Amino acid sequence: CAEGLNLPGAFDLLRQLKEDGLEPTIVTYGSLMTACERMGDVEAASKVFRMVKENNGGDDSGIRPNEIIYGAAISCCRKARQPERALL
């Protein structure tokens, strides 16, 4: 979906994955964040970032944002000409 610039399709795949009882991984979220970055969609990138943070569960056992997530978020804000949002 990221290659085809189909951001709604990427979010649909995430929804389908969860409906099928699978848990997204940091790679899943990283791929989705990359799709947001390629589209320059800061709102969608913020949504993904929040999902990652919420999936953490408040302890070290969950998913935590990594350099891929942060890098794609910063690049997305740059592409959208919204550098002030780089901290989402």
C-alpha atoms as a PDB file:
ATOM      1  CA  CYS A   1       0.000   0.000   0.000  1.00  0.00           C
ATOM      2  CA  ALA A   2       2.860   2.383   0.736  1.00  0.00           C
ATOM      3  CA  GLU A   3       4.346   1.797  -2.701  1.00  0.00           C
ATOM      4  CA  GLY A   4       0.964   2.351  -4.338  1.00  0.00           C
ATOM      5  CA  LEU A   5       0.300   5.458  -2.227  1.00  0.00           C
ATOM      6  CA  ASN A   6      -2.894   3.838  -0.955  1.00  0.00           C
ATOM      7  CA  LEU A   7      -3.068   5.058   2.615  1.00  0.00           C
ATOM      8  CA  PRO A   8      -6.714   4.059   3.211  1.00  0.00           C
ATOM      9  CA  GLY A   9      -5.817   0.569   1.989  1.00  0.00           C
ATOM     10  CA  ALA A  10      -2.942   0.401   4.463  1.00  0.00           C
ATOM     11  CA  PHE A  11      -5.228   1.329   7.365  1.00  0.00           C
ATOM     12  CA  ASP A  12      -7.778  -1.222   6.119  1.00  0.00           C
ATOM     13  CA  LEU A  13      -5.107  -3.931   6.213  1.00  0.00           C
ATOM     14  CA  LEU A  14      -4.286  -3.000   9.815  1.00  0.00           C
ATOM     15  CA  ARG A  15      -7.968  -3.176  10.737  1.00  0.00           C
ATOM     16  CA  GLN A  16      -8.305  -6.552   9.000  1.00  0.00           C
ATOM     17  CA  LEU A  17      -5.205  -7.867  10.775  1.00  0.00           C
ATOM     18  CA  LYS A  18      -6.718  -6.955  14.146  1.00  0.00           C
ATOM     19  CA  GLU A  19     -10.125  -8.387  13.202  1.00  0.00           C
ATOM     20  CA  ASP A  20      -8.394 -11.662  12.347  1.00  0.00           C
ATOM     21  CA  GLY A  21      -7.055 -11.772  15.906  1.00  0.00           C
ATOM     22  CA  LEU A  22      -3.465 -10.915  15.031  1.00  0.00           C
ATOM     23  CA  GLU A  23      -1.385  -8.392  16.932  1.00  0.00           C
ATOM     24  CA  PRO A  24       0.448  -5.720  14.955  1.00  0.00           C
ATOM     25  CA  THR A  25       4.186  -5.502  15.543  1.00  0.00           C
ATOM     26  CA  ILE A  26       6.589  -2.576  15.376  1.00  0.00           C
ATOM     27  CA  VAL A  27       7.253  -3.630  11.765  1.00  0.00           C
ATOM     28  CA  THR A  28       3.525  -3.339  11.012  1.00  0.00           C
ATOM     29  CA  TYR A  29       3.380   0.147  12.478  1.00  0.00           C
ATOM     30  CA  GLY A  30       6.658   1.112  10.822  1.00  0.00           C
ATOM     31  CA  SER A  31       5.273   0.132   7.419  1.00  0.00           C
ATOM     32  CA  LEU A  32       2.102   2.110   8.065  1.00  0.00           C
ATOM     33  CA  MET A  33       4.113   5.124   9.227  1.00  0.00           C
ATOM     34  CA  THR A  34       6.207   4.882   6.043  1.00  0.00           C
ATOM     35  CA  ALA A  35       3.004   5.003   3.984  1.00  0.00           C
ATOM     36  CA  CYS A  36       1.952   8.150   5.876  1.00  0.00           C
ATOM     37  CA  GLU A  37       5.391   9.655   5.295  1.00  0.00           C
ATOM     38  CA  ARG A  38       5.269   8.971   1.549  1.00  0.00           C
ATOM     39  CA  MET A  39       1.897  10.676   1.339  1.00  0.00           C
ATOM     40  CA  GLY A  40       2.943  13.560   3.582  1.00  0.00           C
ATOM     41  CA  ASP A  41      -0.168  12.954   5.703  1.00  0.00           C
ATOM     42  CA  VAL A  42       0.705  14.378   9.116  1.00  0.00           C
ATOM     43  CA  GLU A  43      -2.702  13.608  10.620  1.00  0.00           C
ATOM     44  CA  ALA A  44      -2.438   9.937   9.643  1.00  0.00           C
ATOM     45  CA  ALA A  45       1.145   9.802  10.938  1.00  0.00           C
ATOM     46  CA  SER A  46      -0.036  11.266  14.251  1.00  0.00           C
ATOM     47  CA  LYS A  47      -2.738   8.602  14.402  1.00  0.00           C
ATOM     48  CA  VAL A  48      -0.181   5.821  13.870  1.00  0.00           C
ATOM     49  CA  PHE A  49       2.153   7.341  16.457  1.00  0.00           C
ATOM     50  CA  ARG A  50      -0.689   7.394  18.999  1.00  0.00           C
ATOM     51  CA  MET A  51      -1.520   3.765  18.173  1.00  0.00           C
ATOM     52  CA  VAL A  52       2.062   2.725  18.881  1.00  0.00           C
ATOM     53  CA  LYS A  53       2.099   4.636  22.173  1.00  0.00           C
ATOM     54  CA  GLU A  54      -1.280   3.146  23.206  1.00  0.00           C
ATOM     55  CA  ASN A  55      -0.087  -0.356  22.334  1.00  0.00           C
ATOM     56  CA  ASN A  56       2.752   0.057  24.842  1.00  0.00           C
ATOM     57  CA  GLY A  57       0.430  -0.681  27.727  1.00  0.00           C
ATOM     58  CA  GLY A  58       2.379   1.601  30.043  1.00  0.00           C
ATOM     59  CA  ASP A  59       5.249  -0.797  30.648  1.00  0.00           C
ATOM     60  CA  ASP A  60       8.252  -2.224  28.835  1.00  0.00           C
ATOM     61  CA  SER A  61       6.409  -5.321  27.575  1.00  0.00           C
ATOM     62  CA  GLY A  62       4.575  -3.528  24.756  1.00  0.00           C
ATOM     63  CA  ILE A  63       5.577  -1.861  21.525  1.00  0.00           C
ATOM     64  CA  ARG A  64       7.639   1.317  21.774  1.00  0.00           C
ATOM     65  CA  PRO A  65       8.364   3.814  19.003  1.00  0.00           C
ATOM     66  CA  ASN A  66      11.765   3.167  17.423  1.00  0.00           C
ATOM     67  CA  GLU A  67      14.024   5.099  15.049  1.00  0.00           C
ATOM     68  CA  ILE A  68      11.924   4.033  12.037  1.00  0.00           C
ATOM     69  CA  ILE A  69       8.744   5.431  13.592  1.00  0.00           C
ATOM     70  CA  TYR A  70      10.398   8.678  14.683  1.00  0.00           C
ATOM     71  CA  GLY A  71      12.288   9.107  11.415  1.00  0.00           C
ATOM     72  CA  ALA A  72       9.192   8.615   9.274  1.00  0.00           C
ATOM     73  CA  ALA A  73       7.201  11.003  11.498  1.00  0.00           C
ATOM     74  CA  ILE A  74       9.834  13.729  11.169  1.00  0.00           C
ATOM     75  CA  SER A  75      10.133  13.198   7.414  1.00  0.00           C
ATOM     76  CA  CYS A  76       6.351  13.322   7.053  1.00  0.00           C
ATOM     77  CA  CYS A  77       6.203  16.694   8.795  1.00  0.00           C
ATOM     78  CA  ARG A  78       9.016  17.974   6.589  1.00  0.00           C
ATOM     79  CA  LYS A  79       7.248  16.828   3.412  1.00  0.00           C
ATOM     80  CA  ALA A  80       4.016  18.439   4.564  1.00  0.00           C
ATOM     81  CA  ARG A  81       5.912  21.674   5.319  1.00  0.00           C
ATOM     82  CA  GLN A  82       4.826  21.465   8.941  1.00  0.00           C
ATOM     83  CA  PRO A  83       8.146  21.182  10.794  1.00  0.00           C
ATOM     84  CA  GLU A  84       6.580  22.497  13.983  1.00  0.00           C
ATOM     85  CA  ARG A  85       4.577  19.258  14.161  1.00  0.00           C
ATOM     86  CA  ALA A  86       7.676  17.075  14.094  1.00  0.00           C
ATOM     87  CA  LEU A  87       7.080  16.197  17.723  1.00  0.00           C
ATOM     88  CA  LEU A  88       3.506  15.079  16.918  1.00  0.00           C
END
